[in-house]
Amino acid sequence: MENLLHYSPIIIAIMVFLIQQRIVVTPEQLEKKHREILDDVEEKFVTLNSFKDLKEQFSEMKEKIDKIYDCIIAVK
């Protein structure tokens, strides 16, 4: 315990430095940054369900275009 009291000013100075340099963050700051990241991701990226739906629509369009192409070739 006496050892700890001897080093306590150094420990406090190190803790203050870490907090000032934002090396150590509070849970509140972490939650705020997490929300910012989630908002950015929502704006920039699409959900997996939306991607699958779009992919399915492209597949259907491709099939229809192939049918139209086959009909055009059959007429000639």
PDB file of N, CA and C in Angstrom:
ATOM      1  N   MET A   1       0.826  -1.193   0.000  1.00  0.00           N
ATOM      2  CA  MET A   1       0.000   0.000   0.000  1.00  0.00           C
ATOM      3  C   MET A   1       0.873   1.261   0.000  1.00  0.00           C
ATOM      4  N   GLU A   2       1.956   1.199   0.753  1.00  0.00           N
ATOM      5  CA  GLU A   2       2.849   2.349   0.797  1.00  0.00           C
ATOM      6  C   GLU A   2       3.481   2.600  -0.571  1.00  0.00           C
ATOM      7  N   ASN A   3       3.765   1.526  -1.285  1.00  0.00           N
ATOM      8  CA  ASN A   3       4.311   1.637  -2.640  1.00  0.00           C
ATOM      9  C   ASN A   3       3.339   2.383  -3.553  1.00  0.00           C
ATOM     10  N   LEU A   4       2.058   2.054  -3.392  1.00  0.00           N
ATOM     11  CA  LEU A   4       1.023   2.686  -4.215  1.00  0.00           C
ATOM     12  C   LEU A   4       0.929   4.180  -3.903  1.00  0.00           C
ATOM     13  N   LEU A   5       1.011   4.547  -2.644  1.00  0.00           N
ATOM     14  CA  LEU A   5       0.965   5.955  -2.262  1.00  0.00           C
ATOM     15  C   LEU A   5       2.182   6.714  -2.787  1.00  0.00           C
ATOM     16  N   HIS A   6       3.293   6.049  -2.850  1.00  0.00           N
ATOM     17  CA  HIS A   6       4.518   6.663  -3.358  1.00  0.00           C
ATOM     18  C   HIS A   6       4.387   7.002  -4.847  1.00  0.00           C
ATOM     19  N   TYR A   7       3.725   6.115  -5.593  1.00  0.00           N
ATOM     20  CA  TYR A   7       3.580   6.308  -7.045  1.00  0.00           C
ATOM     21  C   TYR A   7       2.264   6.979  -7.445  1.00  0.00           C
ATOM     22  N   SER A   8       1.408   7.301  -6.513  1.00  0.00           N
ATOM     23  CA  SER A   8       0.091   7.865  -6.844  1.00  0.00           C
ATOM     24  C   SER A   8       0.156   9.169  -7.646  1.00  0.00           C
ATOM     25  N   PRO A   9       1.055  10.116  -7.380  1.00  0.00           N
ATOM     26  CA  PRO A   9       1.098  11.325  -8.221  1.00  0.00           C
ATOM     27  C   PRO A   9       1.450  11.005  -9.684  1.00  0.00           C
ATOM     28  N   ILE A  10       2.326  10.049  -9.877  1.00  0.00           N
ATOM     29  CA  ILE A  10       2.703   9.660 -11.243  1.00  0.00           C
ATOM     30  C   ILE A  10       1.519   8.991 -11.935  1.00  0.00           C
ATOM     31  N   ILE A  11       0.826   8.133 -11.211  1.00  0.00           N
ATOM     32  CA  ILE A  11      -0.347   7.442 -11.768  1.00  0.00           C
ATOM     33  C   ILE A  11      -1.418   8.454 -12.153  1.00  0.00           C
ATOM     34  N   ILE A  12      -1.670   9.432 -11.298  1.00  0.00           N
ATOM     35  CA  ILE A  12      -2.671  10.463 -11.590  1.00  0.00           C
ATOM     36  C   ILE A  12      -2.243  11.287 -12.808  1.00  0.00           C
ATOM     37  N   ALA A  13      -0.978  11.645 -12.899  1.00  0.00           N
ATOM     38  CA  ALA A  13      -0.493  12.418 -14.043  1.00  0.00           C
ATOM     39  C   ALA A  13      -0.653  11.628 -15.335  1.00  0.00           C
ATOM     40  N   ILE A  14      -0.362  10.338 -15.289  1.00  0.00           N
ATOM     41  CA  ILE A  14      -0.516   9.493 -16.484  1.00  0.00           C
ATOM     42  C   ILE A  14      -1.984   9.390 -16.879  1.00  0.00           C
ATOM     43  N   MET A  15      -2.870   9.221 -15.908  1.00  0.00           N
ATOM     44  CA  MET A  15      -4.300   9.126 -16.203  1.00  0.00           C
ATOM     45  C   MET A  15      -4.826  10.427 -16.814  1.00  0.00           C
ATOM     46  N   VAL A  16      -4.410  11.558 -16.267  1.00  0.00           N
ATOM     47  CA  VAL A  16      -4.831  12.854 -16.808  1.00  0.00           C
ATOM     48  C   VAL A  16      -4.336  13.013 -18.241  1.00  0.00           C
ATOM     49  N   PHE A  17      -3.095  12.629 -18.498  1.00  0.00           N
ATOM     50  CA  PHE A  17      -2.541  12.698 -19.850  1.00  0.00           C
ATOM     51  C   PHE A  17      -3.336  11.825 -20.815  1.00  0.00           C
ATOM     52  N   LEU A  18      -3.655  10.601 -20.416  1.00  0.00           N
ATOM     53  CA  LEU A  18      -4.407   9.686 -21.279  1.00  0.00           C
ATOM     54  C   LEU A  18      -5.804  10.241 -21.598  1.00  0.00           C
ATOM     55  N   ILE A  19      -6.437  10.831 -20.619  1.00  0.00           N
ATOM     56  CA  ILE A  19      -7.769  11.398 -20.836  1.00  0.00           C
ATOM     57  C   ILE A  19      -7.690  12.639 -21.720  1.00  0.00           C
ATOM     58  N   GLN A  20      -6.700  13.491 -21.511  1.00  0.00           N
ATOM     59  CA  GLN A  20      -6.560  14.706 -22.322  1.00  0.00           C
ATOM     60  C   GLN A  20      -6.256  14.370 -23.781  1.00  0.00           C
ATOM     61  N   GLN A  21      -5.466  13.359 -23.999  1.00  0.00           N
ATOM     62  CA  GLN A  21      -5.101  12.977 -25.363  1.00  0.00           C
ATOM     63  C   GLN A  21      -6.159  12.073 -26.002  1.00  0.00           C
ATOM     64  N   ARG A  22      -7.226  11.822 -25.279  1.00  0.00           N
ATOM     65  CA  ARG A  22      -8.344  10.992 -25.719  1.00  0.00           C
ATOM     66  C   ARG A  22      -7.908   9.588 -26.118  1.00  0.00           C
ATOM     67  N   ILE A  23      -6.959   9.075 -25.392  1.00  0.00           N
ATOM     68  CA  ILE A  23      -6.539   7.694 -25.583  1.00  0.00           C
ATOM     69  C   ILE A  23      -7.528   6.779 -24.871  1.00  0.00           C
ATOM     70  N   VAL A  24      -8.043   7.251 -23.752  1.00  0.00           N
ATOM     71  CA  VAL A  24      -9.063   6.537 -22.999  1.00  0.00           C
ATOM     72  C   VAL A  24     -10.376   7.288 -23.218  1.00  0.00           C
ATOM     73  N   VAL A  25     -11.414   6.562 -23.617  1.00  0.00           N
ATOM     74  CA  VAL A  25     -12.703   7.210 -23.851  1.00  0.00           C
ATOM     75  C   VAL A  25     -13.729   6.714 -22.839  1.00  0.00           C
ATOM     76  N   THR A  26     -14.739   7.529 -22.645  1.00  0.00           N
ATOM     77  CA  THR A  26     -15.820   7.141 -21.750  1.00  0.00           C
ATOM     78  C   THR A  26     -16.846   6.342 -22.537  1.00  0.00           C
ATOM     79  N   PRO A  27     -17.652   5.556 -21.870  1.00  0.00           N
ATOM     80  CA  PRO A  27     -18.701   4.811 -22.572  1.00  0.00           C
ATOM     81  C   PRO A  27     -19.661   5.738 -23.333  1.00  0.00           C
ATOM     82  N   GLU A  28     -19.885   6.919 -22.796  1.00  0.00           N
ATOM     83  CA  GLU A  28     -20.758   7.895 -23.450  1.00  0.00           C
ATOM     84  C   GLU A  28     -20.164   8.334 -24.795  1.00  0.00           C
ATOM     85  N   GLN A  29     -18.870   8.617 -24.813  1.00  0.00           N
ATOM     86  CA  GLN A  29     -18.203   9.010 -26.064  1.00  0.00           C
ATOM     87  C   GLN A  29     -18.201   7.857 -27.055  1.00  0.00           C
ATOM     88  N   LEU A  30     -18.011   6.661 -26.550  1.00  0.00           N
ATOM     89  CA  LEU A  30     -17.998   5.474 -27.398  1.00  0.00           C
ATOM     90  C   LEU A  30     -19.372   5.252 -28.033  1.00  0.00           C
ATOM     91  N   GLU A  31     -20.421   5.413 -27.261  1.00  0.00           N
ATOM     92  CA  GLU A  31     -21.778   5.253 -27.777  1.00  0.00           C
ATOM     93  C   GLU A  31     -22.088   6.310 -28.838  1.00  0.00           C
ATOM     94  N   LYS A  32     -21.665   7.544 -28.596  1.00  0.00           N
ATOM     95  CA  LYS A  32     -21.885   8.616 -29.564  1.00  0.00           C
ATOM     96  C   LYS A  32     -21.198   8.300 -30.890  1.00  0.00           C
ATOM     97  N   LYS A  33     -19.953   7.863 -30.835  1.00  0.00           N
ATOM     98  CA  LYS A  33     -19.202   7.522 -32.049  1.00  0.00           C
ATOM     99  C   LYS A  33     -19.838   6.329 -32.755  1.00  0.00           C
ATOM    100  N   HIS A  34     -20.321   5.374 -31.986  1.00  0.00           N
ATOM    101  CA  HIS A  34     -20.999   4.204 -32.553  1.00  0.00           C
ATOM    102  C   HIS A  34     -22.231   4.626 -33.340  1.00  0.00           C
ATOM    103  N   ARG A  35     -23.015   5.536 -32.799  1.00  0.00           N
ATOM    104  CA  ARG A  35     -24.204   6.037 -33.490  1.00  0.00           C
ATOM    105  C   ARG A  35     -23.817   6.778 -34.772  1.00  0.00           C
ATOM    106  N   GLU A  36     -22.750   7.564 -34.723  1.00  0.00           N
ATOM    107  CA  GLU A  36     -22.288   8.276 -35.917  1.00  0.00           C
ATOM    108  C   GLU A  36     -21.886   7.298 -37.012  1.00  0.00           C
ATOM    109  N   ILE A  37     -21.190   6.254 -36.629  1.00  0.00           N
ATOM    110  CA  ILE A  37     -20.768   5.243 -37.607  1.00  0.00           C
ATOM    111  C   ILE A  37     -21.977   4.547 -38.210  1.00  0.00           C
ATOM    112  N   LEU A  38     -22.946   4.203 -37.386  1.00  0.00           N
ATOM    113  CA  LEU A  38     -24.158   3.547 -37.899  1.00  0.00           C
ATOM    114  C   LEU A  38     -24.915   4.457 -38.866  1.00  0.00           C
ATOM    115  N   ASP A  39     -24.996   5.737 -38.553  1.00  0.00           N
ATOM    116  CA  ASP A  39     -25.675   6.684 -39.446  1.00  0.00           C
ATOM    117  C   ASP A  39     -24.950   6.791 -40.782  1.00  0.00           C
ATOM    118  N   ASP A  40     -23.623   6.862 -40.745  1.00  0.00           N
ATOM    119  CA  ASP A  40     -22.837   6.933 -41.982  1.00  0.00           C
ATOM    120  C   ASP A  40     -23.023   5.678 -42.825  1.00  0.00           C
ATOM    121  N   VAL A  41     -23.042   4.533 -42.170  1.00  0.00           N
ATOM    122  CA  VAL A  41     -23.205   3.269 -42.891  1.00  0.00           C
ATOM    123  C   VAL A  41     -24.589   3.214 -43.534  1.00  0.00           C
ATOM    124  N   GLU A  42     -25.611   3.657 -42.826  1.00  0.00           N
ATOM    125  CA  GLU A  42     -26.971   3.669 -43.376  1.00  0.00           C
ATOM    126  C   GLU A  42     -27.056   4.532 -44.627  1.00  0.00           C
ATOM    127  N   GLU A  43     -26.364   5.656 -44.632  1.00  0.00           N
ATOM    128  CA  GLU A  43     -26.391   6.570 -45.773  1.00  0.00           C
ATOM    129  C   GLU A  43     -25.632   6.024 -46.974  1.00  0.00           C
ATOM    130  N   LYS A  44     -24.518   5.348 -46.737  1.00  0.00           N
ATOM    131  CA  LYS A  44     -23.622   4.973 -47.824  1.00  0.00           C
ATOM    132  C   LYS A  44     -23.835   3.566 -48.365  1.00  0.00           C
ATOM    133  N   PHE A  45     -24.420   2.666 -47.581  1.00  0.00           N
ATOM    134  CA  PHE A  45     -24.520   1.278 -47.989  1.00  0.00           C
ATOM    135  C   PHE A  45     -25.967   0.807 -47.983  1.00  0.00           C
ATOM    136  N   VAL A  46     -26.213  -0.244 -48.729  1.00  0.00           N
ATOM    137  CA  VAL A  46     -27.550  -0.802 -48.845  1.00  0.00           C
ATOM    138  C   VAL A  46     -27.644  -2.031 -47.937  1.00  0.00           C
ATOM    139  N   THR A  47     -28.862  -2.345 -47.509  1.00  0.00           N
ATOM    140  CA  THR A  47     -29.037  -3.530 -46.671  1.00  0.00           C
ATOM    141  C   THR A  47     -28.960  -4.781 -47.534  1.00  0.00           C
ATOM    142  N   LEU A  48     -28.710  -5.892 -46.901  1.00  0.00           N
ATOM    143  CA  LEU A  48     -28.577  -7.161 -47.620  1.00  0.00           C
ATOM    144  C   LEU A  48     -29.892  -7.553 -48.278  1.00  0.00           C
ATOM    145  N   ASN A  49     -31.015  -7.313 -47.613  1.00  0.00           N
ATOM    146  CA  ASN A  49     -32.321  -7.643 -48.193  1.00  0.00           C
ATOM    147  C   ASN A  49     -32.590  -6.823 -49.450  1.00  0.00           C
ATOM    148  N   SER A  50     -32.264  -5.541 -49.405  1.00  0.00           N
ATOM    149  CA  SER A  50     -32.469  -4.690 -50.578  1.00  0.00           C
ATOM    150  C   SER A  50     -31.590  -5.148 -51.727  1.00  0.00           C
ATOM    151  N   PHE A  51     -30.367  -5.533 -51.419  1.00  0.00           N
ATOM    152  CA  PHE A  51     -29.453  -6.013 -52.449  1.00  0.00           C
ATOM    153  C   PHE A  51     -29.978  -7.288 -53.096  1.00  0.00           C
ATOM    154  N   LYS A  52     -30.473  -8.213 -52.292  1.00  0.00           N
ATOM    155  CA  LYS A  52     -31.017  -9.461 -52.840  1.00  0.00           C
ATOM    156  C   LYS A  52     -32.233  -9.193 -53.722  1.00  0.00           C
ATOM    157  N   ASP A  53     -33.104  -8.276 -53.293  1.00  0.00           N
ATOM    158  CA  ASP A  53     -34.273  -7.923 -54.100  1.00  0.00           C
ATOM    159  C   ASP A  53     -33.854  -7.317 -55.436  1.00  0.00           C
ATOM    160  N   LEU A  54     -32.903  -6.421 -55.404  1.00  0.00           N
ATOM    161  CA  LEU A  54     -32.420  -5.790 -56.630  1.00  0.00           C
ATOM    162  C   LEU A  54     -31.779  -6.818 -57.551  1.00  0.00           C
ATOM    163  N   LYS A  55     -31.014  -7.720 -56.990  1.00  0.00           N
ATOM    164  CA  LYS A  55     -30.374  -8.775 -57.767  1.00  0.00           C
ATOM    165  C   LYS A  55     -31.423  -9.656 -58.442  1.00  0.00           C
ATOM    166  N   GLU A  56     -32.478  -9.953 -57.725  1.00  0.00           N
ATOM    167  CA  GLU A  56     -33.568 -10.759 -58.281  1.00  0.00           C
ATOM    168  C   GLU A  56     -34.264 -10.020 -59.424  1.00  0.00           C
ATOM    169  N   GLN A  57     -34.465  -8.732 -59.255  1.00  0.00           N
ATOM    170  CA  GLN A  57     -35.098  -7.940 -60.313  1.00  0.00           C
ATOM    171  C   GLN A  57     -34.215  -7.905 -61.553  1.00  0.00           C
ATOM    172  N   PHE A  58     -32.905  -7.766 -61.384  1.00  0.00           N
ATOM    173  CA  PHE A  58     -32.003  -7.790 -62.534  1.00  0.00           C
ATOM    174  C   PHE A  58     -32.052  -9.137 -63.233  1.00  0.00           C
ATOM    175  N   SER A  59     -32.145 -10.195 -62.469  1.00  0.00           N
ATOM    176  CA  SER A  59     -32.234 -11.532 -63.052  1.00  0.00           C
ATOM    177  C   SER A  59     -33.502 -11.671 -63.888  1.00  0.00           C
ATOM    178  N   GLU A  60     -34.620 -11.175 -63.353  1.00  0.00           N
ATOM    179  CA  GLU A  60     -35.881 -11.221 -64.099  1.00  0.00           C
ATOM    180  C   GLU A  60     -35.792 -10.385 -65.377  1.00  0.00           C
ATOM    181  N   MET A  61     -35.179  -9.206 -65.291  1.00  0.00           N
ATOM    182  CA  MET A  61     -35.015  -8.351 -66.469  1.00  0.00           C
ATOM    183  C   MET A  61     -34.157  -9.041 -67.521  1.00  0.00           C
ATOM    184  N   LYS A  62     -33.118  -9.721 -67.095  1.00  0.00           N
ATOM    185  CA  LYS A  62     -32.232 -10.423 -68.021  1.00  0.00           C
ATOM    186  C   LYS A  62     -32.989 -11.522 -68.747  1.00  0.00           C
ATOM    187  N   GLU A  63     -33.813 -12.259 -68.016  1.00  0.00           N
ATOM    188  CA  GLU A  63     -34.610 -13.317 -68.639  1.00  0.00           C
ATOM    189  C   GLU A  63     -35.563 -12.728 -69.683  1.00  0.00           C
ATOM    190  N   LYS A  64     -36.200 -11.621 -69.369  1.00  0.00           N
ATOM    191  CA  LYS A  64     -37.131 -10.986 -70.308  1.00  0.00           C
ATOM    192  C   LYS A  64     -36.401 -10.472 -71.542  1.00  0.00           C
ATOM    193  N   ILE A  65     -35.229  -9.886 -71.337  1.00  0.00           N
ATOM    194  CA  ILE A  65     -34.446  -9.396 -72.480  1.00  0.00           C
ATOM    195  C   ILE A  65     -34.014 -10.565 -73.356  1.00  0.00           C
ATOM    196  N   ASP A  66     -33.631 -11.673 -72.723  1.00  0.00           N
ATOM    197  CA  ASP A  66     -33.252 -12.864 -73.495  1.00  0.00           C
ATOM    198  C   ASP A  66     -34.431 -13.375 -74.320  1.00  0.00           C
ATOM    199  N   LYS A  67     -35.630 -13.363 -73.749  1.00  0.00           N
ATOM    200  CA  LYS A  67     -36.821 -13.810 -74.487  1.00  0.00           C
ATOM    201  C   LYS A  67     -37.095 -12.889 -75.667  1.00  0.00           C
ATOM    202  N   ILE A  68     -36.983 -11.584 -75.452  1.00  0.00           N
ATOM    203  CA  ILE A  68     -37.193 -10.619 -76.543  1.00  0.00           C
ATOM    204  C   ILE A  68     -36.160 -10.834 -77.632  1.00  0.00           C
ATOM    205  N   TYR A  69     -34.922 -11.046 -77.253  1.00  0.00           N
ATOM    206  CA  TYR A  69     -33.847 -11.288 -78.213  1.00  0.00           C
ATOM    207  C   TYR A  69     -34.118 -12.560 -79.010  1.00  0.00           C
ATOM    208  N   ASP A  70     -34.563 -13.614 -78.331  1.00  0.00           N
ATOM    209  CA  ASP A  70     -34.881 -14.868 -79.023  1.00  0.00           C
ATOM    210  C   ASP A  70     -36.036 -14.659 -80.019  1.00  0.00           C
ATOM    211  N   CYS A  71     -37.034 -13.864 -79.624  1.00  0.00           N
ATOM    212  CA  CYS A  71     -38.167 -13.601 -80.529  1.00  0.00           C
ATOM    213  C   CYS A  71     -37.700 -12.827 -81.761  1.00  0.00           C
ATOM    214  N   ILE A  72     -36.829 -11.854 -81.584  1.00  0.00           N
ATOM    215  CA  ILE A  72     -36.307 -11.051 -82.707  1.00  0.00           C
ATOM    216  C   ILE A  72     -35.514 -11.935 -83.646  1.00  0.00           C
ATOM    217  N   ILE A  73     -34.695 -12.816 -83.101  1.00  0.00           N
ATOM    218  CA  ILE A  73     -33.909 -13.712 -83.939  1.00  0.00           C
ATOM    219  C   ILE A  73     -34.789 -14.710 -84.683  1.00  0.00           C
ATOM    220  N   ALA A  74     -35.857 -15.192 -84.031  1.00  0.00           N
ATOM    221  CA  ALA A  74     -36.758 -16.152 -84.659  1.00  0.00           C
ATOM    222  C   ALA A  74     -37.522 -15.528 -85.827  1.00  0.00           C
ATOM    223  N   VAL A  75     -37.822 -14.249 -85.760  1.00  0.00           N
ATOM    224  CA  VAL A  75     -38.558 -13.568 -86.818  1.00  0.00           C
ATOM    225  C   VAL A  75     -37.719 -13.454 -88.068  1.00  0.00           C
ATOM    226  N   LYS A  76     -36.431 -13.244 -87.943  1.00  0.00           N
ATOM    227  CA  LYS A  76     -35.563 -13.091 -89.117  1.00  0.00           C
ATOM    228  C   LYS A  76     -35.443 -14.385 -89.788  1.00  0.00           C
TER     229      LYS A  76
END
